[in-house]
Amino acid sequence: MEKTRIFKTSFASVYPFYIQKAEKKGRTKAEVDTIICWLTGYDQQVLQQHIKNYDFETFFAQAPQINQNASKITGVICGNRVEEIEDKLMQKIRYLDKLIDELAKGKSMEKILRR
């Protein structure tokens, strides 16, 4: 099976769009970073190194631990229900997309982080 192009896309090329989407709605880069750290288990310092150096596939493969509450992320992103995506890497990418969407829509961090 041919790998999806997003898997080999550098994380650094998409990261500014996550920040831009959040900032357009009055949210911050710090909140975007908090969401990414929550989902992946990276700490802030390691996150910044990995953003610069990895594609999506490696970024998620190197993640210390996907948050156990990630399975609570539900809803539709790009026309697909995130909880029904079979490819685990694509599901993690869509989890992140969904969380950034929730941030941009004004949800509280507590709700976004499934607390």
PDB file of N, CA and C in Angstrom:
ATOM      1  N   MET A   1       0.842  -1.184   0.000  1.00  0.00           N
ATOM      2  CA  MET A   1       0.000   0.000   0.000  1.00  0.00           C
ATOM      3  C   MET A   1       0.884   1.243   0.000  1.00  0.00           C
ATOM      4  N   GLU A   2       0.620   2.179  -0.878  1.00  0.00           N
ATOM      5  CA  GLU A   2       1.397   3.405  -0.976  1.00  0.00           C
ATOM      6  C   GLU A   2       1.107   4.300   0.228  1.00  0.00           C
ATOM      7  N   LYS A   3       2.175   4.852   0.772  1.00  0.00           N
ATOM      8  CA  LYS A   3       2.007   5.726   1.935  1.00  0.00           C
ATOM      9  C   LYS A   3       1.379   7.044   1.516  1.00  0.00           C
ATOM     10  N   THR A   4       0.548   7.562   2.372  1.00  0.00           N
ATOM     11  CA  THR A   4      -0.081   8.851   2.139  1.00  0.00           C
ATOM     12  C   THR A   4       0.984   9.942   2.176  1.00  0.00           C
ATOM     13  N   ARG A   5       0.877  10.928   1.313  1.00  0.00           N
ATOM     14  CA  ARG A   5       1.862  11.997   1.197  1.00  0.00           C
ATOM     15  C   ARG A   5       2.067  12.746   2.515  1.00  0.00           C
ATOM     16  N   ILE A   6       1.031  12.931   3.300  1.00  0.00           N
ATOM     17  CA  ILE A   6       1.166  13.667   4.568  1.00  0.00           C
ATOM     18  C   ILE A   6       2.156  12.981   5.506  1.00  0.00           C
ATOM     19  N   PHE A   7       2.279  11.667   5.421  1.00  0.00           N
ATOM     20  CA  PHE A   7       3.192  10.948   6.313  1.00  0.00           C
ATOM     21  C   PHE A   7       4.631  11.435   6.144  1.00  0.00           C
ATOM     22  N   LYS A   8       5.020  11.775   4.933  1.00  0.00           N
ATOM     23  CA  LYS A   8       6.390  12.208   4.644  1.00  0.00           C
ATOM     24  C   LYS A   8       6.532  13.735   4.594  1.00  0.00           C
ATOM     25  N   THR A   9       5.450  14.443   4.865  1.00  0.00           N
ATOM     26  CA  THR A   9       5.490  15.906   4.917  1.00  0.00           C
ATOM     27  C   THR A   9       6.193  16.328   6.202  1.00  0.00           C
ATOM     28  N   SER A  10       7.075  17.308   6.095  1.00  0.00           N
ATOM     29  CA  SER A  10       7.782  17.753   7.295  1.00  0.00           C
ATOM     30  C   SER A  10       6.790  18.404   8.257  1.00  0.00           C
ATOM     31  N   PHE A  11       6.946  18.068   9.517  1.00  0.00           N
ATOM     32  CA  PHE A  11       6.074  18.645  10.535  1.00  0.00           C
ATOM     33  C   PHE A  11       6.256  20.162  10.562  1.00  0.00           C
ATOM     34  N   ALA A  12       7.485  20.612  10.346  1.00  0.00           N
ATOM     35  CA  ALA A  12       7.796  22.046  10.364  1.00  0.00           C
ATOM     36  C   ALA A  12       7.039  22.822   9.292  1.00  0.00           C
ATOM     37  N   SER A  13       6.671  22.170   8.203  1.00  0.00           N
ATOM     38  CA  SER A  13       5.947  22.882   7.145  1.00  0.00           C
ATOM     39  C   SER A  13       4.472  23.086   7.477  1.00  0.00           C
ATOM     40  N   VAL A  14       3.932  22.290   8.380  1.00  0.00           N
ATOM     41  CA  VAL A  14       2.517  22.383   8.757  1.00  0.00           C
ATOM     42  C   VAL A  14       2.330  23.122  10.080  1.00  0.00           C
ATOM     43  N   TYR A  15       3.290  23.009  10.957  1.00  0.00           N
ATOM     44  CA  TYR A  15       3.220  23.618  12.286  1.00  0.00           C
ATOM     45  C   TYR A  15       2.840  25.104  12.259  1.00  0.00           C
ATOM     46  N   PRO A  16       3.425  25.924  11.368  1.00  0.00           N
ATOM     47  CA  PRO A  16       3.028  27.342  11.341  1.00  0.00           C
ATOM     48  C   PRO A  16       1.540  27.544  11.021  1.00  0.00           C
ATOM     49  N   PHE A  17       0.959  26.627  10.261  1.00  0.00           N
ATOM     50  CA  PHE A  17      -0.465  26.738   9.944  1.00  0.00           C
ATOM     51  C   PHE A  17      -1.331  26.435  11.169  1.00  0.00           C
ATOM     52  N   TYR A  18      -0.884  25.506  12.020  1.00  0.00           N
ATOM     53  CA  TYR A  18      -1.596  25.257  13.281  1.00  0.00           C
ATOM     54  C   TYR A  18      -1.593  26.531  14.122  1.00  0.00           C
ATOM     55  N   ILE A  19      -0.428  27.148  14.227  1.00  0.00           N
ATOM     56  CA  ILE A  19      -0.308  28.377  15.025  1.00  0.00           C
ATOM     57  C   ILE A  19      -1.147  29.494  14.413  1.00  0.00           C
ATOM     58  N   GLN A  20      -1.058  29.653  13.113  1.00  0.00           N
ATOM     59  CA  GLN A  20      -1.818  30.698  12.424  1.00  0.00           C
ATOM     60  C   GLN A  20      -3.317  30.517  12.637  1.00  0.00           C
ATOM     61  N   LYS A  21      -3.789  29.297  12.528  1.00  0.00           N
ATOM     62  CA  LYS A  21      -5.216  29.019  12.716  1.00  0.00           C
ATOM     63  C   LYS A  21      -5.650  29.410  14.128  1.00  0.00           C
ATOM     64  N   ALA A  22      -4.834  29.062  15.110  1.00  0.00           N
ATOM     65  CA  ALA A  22      -5.157  29.384  16.501  1.00  0.00           C
ATOM     66  C   ALA A  22      -5.104  30.900  16.744  1.00  0.00           C
ATOM     67  N   GLU A  23      -4.056  31.542  16.265  1.00  0.00           N
ATOM     68  CA  GLU A  23      -3.885  32.974  16.513  1.00  0.00           C
ATOM     69  C   GLU A  23      -4.953  33.823  15.841  1.00  0.00           C
ATOM     70  N   LYS A  24      -5.457  33.371  14.690  1.00  0.00           N
ATOM     71  CA  LYS A  24      -6.549  34.099  14.020  1.00  0.00           C
ATOM     72  C   LYS A  24      -7.785  34.170  14.909  1.00  0.00           C
ATOM     73  N   LYS A  25      -7.924  33.213  15.789  1.00  0.00           N
ATOM     74  CA  LYS A  25      -9.085  33.151  16.675  1.00  0.00           C
ATOM     75  C   LYS A  25      -8.755  33.584  18.100  1.00  0.00           C
ATOM     76  N   GLY A  26      -7.617  34.269  18.255  1.00  0.00           N
ATOM     77  CA  GLY A  26      -7.276  34.805  19.570  1.00  0.00           C
ATOM     78  C   GLY A  26      -6.612  33.824  20.512  1.00  0.00           C
ATOM     79  N   ARG A  27      -6.190  32.692  20.013  1.00  0.00           N
ATOM     80  CA  ARG A  27      -5.492  31.711  20.852  1.00  0.00           C
ATOM     81  C   ARG A  27      -3.991  31.878  20.642  1.00  0.00           C
ATOM     82  N   THR A  28      -3.178  31.093  21.343  1.00  0.00           N
ATOM     83  CA  THR A  28      -1.734  31.332  21.330  1.00  0.00           C
ATOM     84  C   THR A  28      -0.925  30.118  20.861  1.00  0.00           C
ATOM     85  N   LYS A  29       0.322  30.412  20.486  1.00  0.00           N
ATOM     86  CA  LYS A  29       1.276  29.360  20.135  1.00  0.00           C
ATOM     87  C   LYS A  29       1.486  28.439  21.337  1.00  0.00           C
ATOM     88  N   ALA A  30       1.529  29.009  22.528  1.00  0.00           N
ATOM     89  CA  ALA A  30       1.719  28.216  23.745  1.00  0.00           C
ATOM     90  C   ALA A  30       0.594  27.186  23.900  1.00  0.00           C
ATOM     91  N   GLU A  31      -0.623  27.574  23.560  1.00  0.00           N
ATOM     92  CA  GLU A  31      -1.744  26.636  23.648  1.00  0.00           C
ATOM     93  C   GLU A  31      -1.606  25.526  22.606  1.00  0.00           C
ATOM     94  N   VAL A  32      -1.157  25.877  21.409  1.00  0.00           N
ATOM     95  CA  VAL A  32      -0.916  24.870  20.370  1.00  0.00           C
ATOM     96  C   VAL A  32       0.142  23.885  20.868  1.00  0.00           C
ATOM     97  N   ASP A  33       1.232  24.407  21.413  1.00  0.00           N
ATOM     98  CA  ASP A  33       2.296  23.543  21.927  1.00  0.00           C
ATOM     99  C   ASP A  33       1.804  22.655  23.070  1.00  0.00           C
ATOM    100  N   THR A  34       0.977  23.206  23.939  1.00  0.00           N
ATOM    101  CA  THR A  34       0.416  22.416  25.041  1.00  0.00           C
ATOM    102  C   THR A  34      -0.395  21.249  24.497  1.00  0.00           C
ATOM    103  N   ILE A  35      -1.190  21.499  23.476  1.00  0.00           N
ATOM    104  CA  ILE A  35      -2.001  20.441  22.858  1.00  0.00           C
ATOM    105  C   ILE A  35      -1.108  19.369  22.256  1.00  0.00           C
ATOM    106  N   ILE A  36      -0.081  19.781  21.530  1.00  0.00           N
ATOM    107  CA  ILE A  36       0.815  18.809  20.896  1.00  0.00           C
ATOM    108  C   ILE A  36       1.538  17.988  21.961  1.00  0.00           C
ATOM    109  N   CYS A  37       2.019  18.640  23.005  1.00  0.00           N
ATOM    110  CA  CYS A  37       2.693  17.917  24.100  1.00  0.00           C
ATOM    111  C   CYS A  37       1.740  16.955  24.795  1.00  0.00           C
ATOM    112  N   TRP A  38       0.509  17.387  25.023  1.00  0.00           N
ATOM    113  CA  TRP A  38      -0.490  16.526  25.661  1.00  0.00           C
ATOM    114  C   TRP A  38      -0.731  15.283  24.807  1.00  0.00           C
ATOM    115  N   LEU A  39      -0.891  15.458  23.514  1.00  0.00           N
ATOM    116  CA  LEU A  39      -1.200  14.332  22.630  1.00  0.00           C
ATOM    117  C   LEU A  39      -0.023  13.376  22.500  1.00  0.00           C
ATOM    118  N   THR A  40       1.191  13.903  22.380  1.00  0.00           N
ATOM    119  CA  THR A  40       2.348  13.075  22.036  1.00  0.00           C
ATOM    120  C   THR A  40       3.222  12.660  23.206  1.00  0.00           C
ATOM    121  N   GLY A  41       3.161  13.387  24.299  1.00  0.00           N
ATOM    122  CA  GLY A  41       4.037  13.093  25.433  1.00  0.00           C
ATOM    123  C   GLY A  41       5.390  13.785  25.351  1.00  0.00           C
ATOM    124  N   TYR A  42       5.625  14.557  24.283  1.00  0.00           N
ATOM    125  CA  TYR A  42       6.872  15.325  24.203  1.00  0.00           C
ATOM    126  C   TYR A  42       6.870  16.410  25.268  1.00  0.00           C
ATOM    127  N   ASP A  43       8.073  16.765  25.767  1.00  0.00           N
ATOM    128  CA  ASP A  43       8.152  17.973  26.581  1.00  0.00           C
ATOM    129  C   ASP A  43       8.482  19.135  25.640  1.00  0.00           C
ATOM    130  N   GLN A  44       8.385  20.349  26.139  1.00  0.00           N
ATOM    131  CA  GLN A  44       8.505  21.534  25.292  1.00  0.00           C
ATOM    132  C   GLN A  44       9.842  21.592  24.543  1.00  0.00           C
ATOM    133  N   GLN A  45      10.930  21.298  25.223  1.00  0.00           N
ATOM    134  CA  GLN A  45      12.248  21.396  24.595  1.00  0.00           C
ATOM    135  C   GLN A  45      12.410  20.369  23.474  1.00  0.00           C
ATOM    136  N   VAL A  46      12.050  19.141  23.733  1.00  0.00           N
ATOM    137  CA  VAL A  46      12.165  18.083  22.729  1.00  0.00           C
ATOM    138  C   VAL A  46      11.198  18.348  21.578  1.00  0.00           C
ATOM    139  N   LEU A  47      10.019  18.857  21.899  1.00  0.00           N
ATOM    140  CA  LEU A  47       9.046  19.182  20.865  1.00  0.00           C
ATOM    141  C   LEU A  47       9.646  20.123  19.832  1.00  0.00           C
ATOM    142  N   GLN A  48      10.290  21.187  20.267  1.00  0.00           N
ATOM    143  CA  GLN A  48      10.852  22.162  19.337  1.00  0.00           C
ATOM    144  C   GLN A  48      11.917  21.538  18.435  1.00  0.00           C
ATOM    145  N   GLN A  49      12.716  20.623  18.962  1.00  0.00           N
ATOM    146  CA  GLN A  49      13.718  19.930  18.148  1.00  0.00           C
ATOM    147  C   GLN A  49      13.050  19.033  17.117  1.00  0.00           C
ATOM    148  N   HIS A  50      12.035  18.323  17.535  1.00  0.00           N
ATOM    149  CA  HIS A  50      11.370  17.373  16.645  1.00  0.00           C
ATOM    150  C   HIS A  50      10.556  18.075  15.563  1.00  0.00           C
ATOM    151  N   ILE A  51       9.988  19.217  15.886  1.00  0.00           N
ATOM    152  CA  ILE A  51       9.238  19.977  14.880  1.00  0.00           C
ATOM    153  C   ILE A  51      10.150  20.290  13.696  1.00  0.00           C
ATOM    154  N   LYS A  52      11.354  20.689  13.981  1.00  0.00           N
ATOM    155  CA  LYS A  52      12.297  21.109  12.942  1.00  0.00           C
ATOM    156  C   LYS A  52      12.838  19.940  12.118  1.00  0.00           C
ATOM    157  N   ASN A  53      12.943  18.773  12.722  1.00  0.00           N
ATOM    158  CA  ASN A  53      13.718  17.698  12.111  1.00  0.00           C
ATOM    159  C   ASN A  53      12.933  16.513  11.559  1.00  0.00           C
ATOM    160  N   TYR A  54      11.640  16.422  11.801  1.00  0.00           N
ATOM    161  CA  TYR A  54      10.931  15.203  11.452  1.00  0.00           C
ATOM    162  C   TYR A  54       9.744  15.421  10.532  1.00  0.00           C
ATOM    163  N   ASP A  55       9.448  14.378   9.769  1.00  0.00           N
ATOM    164  CA  ASP A  55       8.188  14.334   9.028  1.00  0.00           C
ATOM    165  C   ASP A  55       7.122  13.805   9.985  1.00  0.00           C
ATOM    166  N   PHE A  56       5.865  13.811   9.554  1.00  0.00           N
ATOM    167  CA  PHE A  56       4.778  13.375  10.438  1.00  0.00           C
ATOM    168  C   PHE A  56       4.969  11.935  10.910  1.00  0.00           C
ATOM    169  N   GLU A  57       5.380  11.066  10.008  1.00  0.00           N
ATOM    170  CA  GLU A  57       5.552   9.653  10.369  1.00  0.00           C
ATOM    171  C   GLU A  57       6.574   9.510  11.494  1.00  0.00           C
ATOM    172  N   THR A  58       7.731  10.141  11.351  1.00  0.00           N
ATOM    173  CA  THR A  58       8.779  10.052  12.363  1.00  0.00           C
ATOM    174  C   THR A  58       8.374  10.793  13.631  1.00  0.00           C
ATOM    175  N   PHE A  59       7.726  11.943  13.467  1.00  0.00           N
ATOM    176  CA  PHE A  59       7.283  12.734  14.615  1.00  0.00           C
ATOM    177  C   PHE A  59       6.404  11.892  15.544  1.00  0.00           C
ATOM    178  N   PHE A  60       5.447  11.181  14.974  1.00  0.00           N
ATOM    179  CA  PHE A  60       4.566  10.358  15.813  1.00  0.00           C
ATOM    180  C   PHE A  60       5.229   9.054  16.236  1.00  0.00           C
ATOM    181  N   ALA A  61       6.103   8.500  15.401  1.00  0.00           N
ATOM    182  CA  ALA A  61       6.813   7.265  15.772  1.00  0.00           C
ATOM    183  C   ALA A  61       7.744   7.506  16.960  1.00  0.00           C
ATOM    184  N   GLN A  62       8.346   8.695  17.030  1.00  0.00           N
ATOM    185  CA  GLN A  62       9.271   9.044  18.109  1.00  0.00           C
ATOM    186  C   GLN A  62       8.563   9.585  19.351  1.00  0.00           C
ATOM    187  N   ALA A  63       7.273   9.816  19.258  1.00  0.00           N
ATOM    188  CA  ALA A  63       6.533  10.368  20.401  1.00  0.00           C
ATOM    189  C   ALA A  63       6.667   9.442  21.602  1.00  0.00           C
ATOM    190  N   PRO A  64       6.979  10.014  22.765  1.00  0.00           N
ATOM    191  CA  PRO A  64       7.154   9.188  23.961  1.00  0.00           C
ATOM    192  C   PRO A  64       5.934   8.316  24.271  1.00  0.00           C
ATOM    193  N   GLN A  65       4.747   8.907  24.200  1.00  0.00           N
ATOM    194  CA  GLN A  65       3.531   8.140  24.462  1.00  0.00           C
ATOM    195  C   GLN A  65       2.322   8.960  24.058  1.00  0.00           C
ATOM    196  N   ILE A  66       1.499   8.379  23.211  1.00  0.00           N
ATOM    197  CA  ILE A  66       0.251   9.040  22.849  1.00  0.00           C
ATOM    198  C   ILE A  66      -0.641   9.013  24.088  1.00  0.00           C
ATOM    199  N   ASN A  67      -1.230  10.144  24.396  1.00  0.00           N
ATOM    200  CA  ASN A  67      -2.043  10.272  25.605  1.00  0.00           C
ATOM    201  C   ASN A  67      -3.145   9.223  25.632  1.00  0.00           C
ATOM    202  N   GLN A  68      -3.317   8.611  26.785  1.00  0.00           N
ATOM    203  CA  GLN A  68      -4.332   7.563  26.924  1.00  0.00           C
ATOM    204  C   GLN A  68      -5.750   8.077  26.701  1.00  0.00           C
ATOM    205  N   ASN A  69      -5.948   9.378  26.843  1.00  0.00           N
ATOM    206  CA  ASN A  69      -7.272   9.963  26.613  1.00  0.00           C
ATOM    207  C   ASN A  69      -7.505  10.366  25.158  1.00  0.00           C
ATOM    208  N   ALA A  70      -6.535  10.106  24.293  1.00  0.00           N
ATOM    209  CA  ALA A  70      -6.698  10.448  22.872  1.00  0.00           C
ATOM    210  C   ALA A  70      -7.900   9.715  22.273  1.00  0.00           C
ATOM    211  N   SER A  71      -8.192   8.550  22.782  1.00  0.00           N
ATOM    212  CA  SER A  71      -9.339   7.795  22.264  1.00  0.00           C
ATOM    213  C   SER A  71     -10.664   8.494  22.553  1.00  0.00           C
ATOM    214  N   LYS A  72     -10.647   9.490  23.428  1.00  0.00           N
ATOM    215  CA  LYS A  72     -11.854  10.269  23.719  1.00  0.00           C
ATOM    216  C   LYS A  72     -12.097  11.371  22.687  1.00  0.00           C
ATOM    217  N   ILE A  73     -11.147  11.545  21.771  1.00  0.00           N
ATOM    218  CA  ILE A  73     -11.291  12.551  20.717  1.00  0.00           C
ATOM    219  C   ILE A  73     -12.216  11.962  19.658  1.00  0.00           C
ATOM    220  N   THR A  74     -13.339  12.620  19.456  1.00  0.00           N
ATOM    221  CA  THR A  74     -14.317  12.134  18.484  1.00  0.00           C
ATOM    222  C   THR A  74     -14.777  13.289  17.607  1.00  0.00           C
ATOM    223  N   GLY A  75     -15.411  12.945  16.534  1.00  0.00           N
ATOM    224  CA  GLY A  75     -15.947  13.969  15.656  1.00  0.00           C
ATOM    225  C   GLY A  75     -15.431  13.806  14.242  1.00  0.00           C
ATOM    226  N   VAL A  76     -15.796  14.763  13.409  1.00  0.00           N
ATOM    227  CA  VAL A  76     -15.461  14.695  11.991  1.00  0.00           C
ATOM    228  C   VAL A  76     -14.373  15.701  11.665  1.00  0.00           C
ATOM    229  N   ILE A  77     -13.382  15.238  10.936  1.00  0.00           N
ATOM    230  CA  ILE A  77     -12.328  16.101  10.422  1.00  0.00           C
ATOM    231  C   ILE A  77     -12.030  15.648   8.998  1.00  0.00           C
ATOM    232  N   CYS A  78     -12.005  16.575   8.094  1.00  0.00           N
ATOM    233  CA  CYS A  78     -11.773  16.266   6.664  1.00  0.00           C
ATOM    234  C   CYS A  78     -12.756  15.211   6.153  1.00  0.00           C
ATOM    235  N   GLY A  79     -13.979  15.271   6.644  1.00  0.00           N
ATOM    236  CA  GLY A  79     -15.026  14.364   6.173  1.00  0.00           C
ATOM    237  C   GLY A  79     -14.982  12.967   6.745  1.00  0.00           C
ATOM    238  N   ASN A  80     -14.087  12.718   7.686  1.00  0.00           N
ATOM    239  CA  ASN A  80     -13.966  11.390   8.296  1.00  0.00           C
ATOM    240  C   ASN A  80     -14.125  11.478   9.801  1.00  0.00           C
ATOM    241  N   ARG A  81     -14.787  10.494  10.371  1.00  0.00           N
ATOM    242  CA  ARG A  81     -14.885  10.410  11.824  1.00  0.00           C
ATOM    243  C   ARG A  81     -13.534   9.938  12.353  1.00  0.00           C
ATOM    244  N   VAL A  82     -12.927  10.723  13.227  1.00  0.00           N
ATOM    245  CA  VAL A  82     -11.579  10.386  13.691  1.00  0.00           C
ATOM    246  C   VAL A  82     -11.530   9.058  14.430  1.00  0.00           C
ATOM    247  N   GLU A  83     -12.588   8.735  15.117  1.00  0.00           N
ATOM    248  CA  GLU A  83     -12.594   7.485  15.882  1.00  0.00           C
ATOM    249  C   GLU A  83     -12.721   6.245  14.989  1.00  0.00           C
ATOM    250  N   GLU A  84     -13.043   6.429  13.713  1.00  0.00           N
ATOM    251  CA  GLU A  84     -13.206   5.306  12.788  1.00  0.00           C
ATOM    252  C   GLU A  84     -12.056   5.156  11.800  1.00  0.00           C
ATOM    253  N   ILE A  85     -11.052   6.014  11.871  1.00  0.00           N
ATOM    254  CA  ILE A  85      -9.916   5.924  10.953  1.00  0.00           C
ATOM    255  C   ILE A  85      -9.093   4.692  11.314  1.00  0.00           C
ATOM    256  N   GLU A  86      -8.903   3.818  10.348  1.00  0.00           N
ATOM    257  CA  GLU A  86      -8.223   2.550  10.607  1.00  0.00           C
ATOM    258  C   GLU A  86      -6.708   2.679  10.685  1.00  0.00           C
ATOM    259  N   ASP A  87      -6.110   3.490   9.824  1.00  0.00           N
ATOM    260  CA  ASP A  87      -4.659   3.659   9.842  1.00  0.00           C
ATOM    261  C   ASP A  87      -4.281   4.459  11.088  1.00  0.00           C
ATOM    262  N   LYS A  88      -3.504   3.861  11.972  1.00  0.00           N
ATOM    263  CA  LYS A  88      -3.198   4.485  13.270  1.00  0.00           C
ATOM    264  C   LYS A  88      -2.417   5.784  13.133  1.00  0.00           C
ATOM    265  N   LEU A  89      -1.498   5.860  12.173  1.00  0.00           N
ATOM    266  CA  LEU A  89      -0.761   7.103  11.977  1.00  0.00           C
ATOM    267  C   LEU A  89      -1.691   8.207  11.483  1.00  0.00           C
ATOM    268  N   MET A  90      -2.519   7.890  10.510  1.00  0.00           N
ATOM    269  CA  MET A  90      -3.470   8.884  10.006  1.00  0.00           C
ATOM    270  C   MET A  90      -4.409   9.316  11.126  1.00  0.00           C
ATOM    271  N   GLN A  91      -4.809   8.390  11.976  1.00  0.00           N
ATOM    272  CA  GLN A  91      -5.692   8.733  13.091  1.00  0.00           C
ATOM    273  C   GLN A  91      -5.012   9.724  14.038  1.00  0.00           C
ATOM    274  N   LYS A  92      -3.733   9.514  14.326  1.00  0.00           N
ATOM    275  CA  LYS A  92      -3.014  10.441  15.212  1.00  0.00           C
ATOM    276  C   LYS A  92      -2.913  11.835  14.581  1.00  0.00           C
ATOM    277  N   ILE A  93      -2.646  11.872  13.275  1.00  0.00           N
ATOM    278  CA  ILE A  93      -2.570  13.158  12.577  1.00  0.00           C
ATOM    279  C   ILE A  93      -3.922  13.858  12.649  1.00  0.00           C
ATOM    280  N   ARG A  94      -4.995  13.123  12.434  1.00  0.00           N
ATOM    281  CA  ARG A  94      -6.342  13.708  12.475  1.00  0.00           C
ATOM    282  C   ARG A  94      -6.753  14.081  13.896  1.00  0.00           C
ATOM    283  N   TYR A  95      -6.272  13.333  14.900  1.00  0.00           N
ATOM    284  CA  TYR A  95      -6.507  13.736  16.287  1.00  0.00           C
ATOM    285  C   TYR A  95      -5.936  15.140  16.494  1.00  0.00           C
ATOM    286  N   LEU A  96      -4.713  15.348  16.043  1.00  0.00           N
ATOM    287  CA  LEU A  96      -4.088  16.653  16.203  1.00  0.00           C
ATOM    288  C   LEU A  96      -4.872  17.721  15.457  1.00  0.00           C
ATOM    289  N   ASP A  97      -5.274  17.431  14.230  1.00  0.00           N
ATOM    290  CA  ASP A  97      -6.090  18.389  13.467  1.00  0.00           C
ATOM    291  C   ASP A  97      -7.365  18.750  14.229  1.00  0.00           C
ATOM    292  N   LYS A  98      -8.010  17.747  14.777  1.00  0.00           N
ATOM    293  CA  LYS A  98      -9.267  17.954  15.504  1.00  0.00           C
ATOM    294  C   LYS A  98      -9.043  18.830  16.745  1.00  0.00           C
ATOM    295  N   LEU A  99      -7.961  18.567  17.472  1.00  0.00           N
ATOM    296  CA  LEU A  99      -7.672  19.359  18.666  1.00  0.00           C
ATOM    297  C   LEU A  99      -7.393  20.817  18.316  1.00  0.00           C
ATOM    298  N   ILE A 100      -6.659  21.051  17.239  1.00  0.00           N
ATOM    299  CA  ILE A 100      -6.384  22.423  16.806  1.00  0.00           C
ATOM    300  C   ILE A 100      -7.680  23.103  16.368  1.00  0.00           C
ATOM    301  N   ASP A 101      -8.553  22.360  15.695  1.00  0.00           N
ATOM    302  CA  ASP A 101      -9.865  22.913  15.319  1.00  0.00           C
ATOM    303  C   ASP A 101     -10.661  23.317  16.554  1.00  0.00           C
ATOM    304  N   GLU A 102     -10.651  22.475  17.563  1.00  0.00           N
ATOM    305  CA  GLU A 102     -11.382  22.779  18.796  1.00  0.00           C
ATOM    306  C   GLU A 102     -10.820  24.030  19.460  1.00  0.00           C
ATOM    307  N   LEU A 103      -9.497  24.166  19.458  1.00  0.00           N
ATOM    308  CA  LEU A 103      -8.861  25.362  20.015  1.00  0.00           C
ATOM    309  C   LEU A 103      -9.332  26.602  19.261  1.00  0.00           C
ATOM    310  N   ALA A 104      -9.309  26.526  17.935  1.00  0.00           N
ATOM    311  CA  ALA A 104      -9.704  27.662  17.103  1.00  0.00           C
ATOM    312  C   ALA A 104     -11.190  27.991  17.248  1.00  0.00           C
ATOM    313  N   LYS A 105     -11.986  27.005  17.628  1.00  0.00           N
ATOM    314  CA  LYS A 105     -13.428  27.246  17.808  1.00  0.00           C
ATOM    315  C   LYS A 105     -13.755  27.777  19.203  1.00  0.00           C
ATOM    316  N   GLY A 106     -12.727  27.954  20.030  1.00  0.00           N
ATOM    317  CA  GLY A 106     -12.941  28.588  21.323  1.00  0.00           C
ATOM    318  C   GLY A 106     -13.193  27.666  22.497  1.00  0.00           C
ATOM    319  N   LYS A 107     -13.042  26.363  22.300  1.00  0.00           N
ATOM    320  CA  LYS A 107     -13.221  25.451  23.443  1.00  0.00           C
ATOM    321  C   LYS A 107     -12.171  25.733  24.505  1.00  0.00           C
ATOM    322  N   SER A 108     -12.519  25.450  25.732  1.00  0.00           N
ATOM    323  CA  SER A 108     -11.566  25.632  26.828  1.00  0.00           C
ATOM    324  C   SER A 108     -10.488  24.554  26.746  1.00  0.00           C
ATOM    325  N   MET A 109      -9.308  24.876  27.242  1.00  0.00           N
ATOM    326  CA  MET A 109      -8.212  23.904  27.230  1.00  0.00           C
ATOM    327  C   MET A 109      -8.587  22.661  28.029  1.00  0.00           C
ATOM    328  N   GLU A 110      -9.331  22.845  29.087  1.00  0.00           N
ATOM    329  CA  GLU A 110      -9.744  21.699  29.900  1.00  0.00           C
ATOM    330  C   GLU A 110     -10.555  20.701  29.065  1.00  0.00           C
ATOM    331  N   LYS A 111     -11.473  21.193  28.256  1.00  0.00           N
ATOM    332  CA  LYS A 111     -12.270  20.315  27.384  1.00  0.00           C
ATOM    333  C   LYS A 111     -11.430  19.721  26.274  1.00  0.00           C
ATOM    334  N   ILE A 112     -10.563  20.537  25.677  1.00  0.00           N
ATOM    335  CA  ILE A 112      -9.708  20.059  24.596  1.00  0.00           C
ATOM    336  C   ILE A 112      -8.820  18.927  25.079  1.00  0.00           C
ATOM    337  N   LEU A 113      -8.282  19.064  26.278  1.00  0.00           N
ATOM    338  CA  LEU A 113      -7.367  18.056  26.822  1.00  0.00           C
ATOM    339  C   LEU A 113      -8.102  16.917  27.533  1.00  0.00           C
ATOM    340  N   ARG A 114      -9.395  16.868  27.334  1.00  0.00           N
ATOM    341  CA  ARG A 114     -10.225  15.764  27.833  1.00  0.00           C
ATOM    342  C   ARG A 114     -10.035  15.503  29.321  1.00  0.00           C
ATOM    343  N   ARG A 115     -10.085  16.582  30.102  1.00  0.00           N
ATOM    344  CA  ARG A 115      -9.946  16.447  31.565  1.00  0.00           C
ATOM    345  C   ARG A 115     -11.284  16.360  32.225  1.00  0.00           C
TER     346      ARG A 115
END
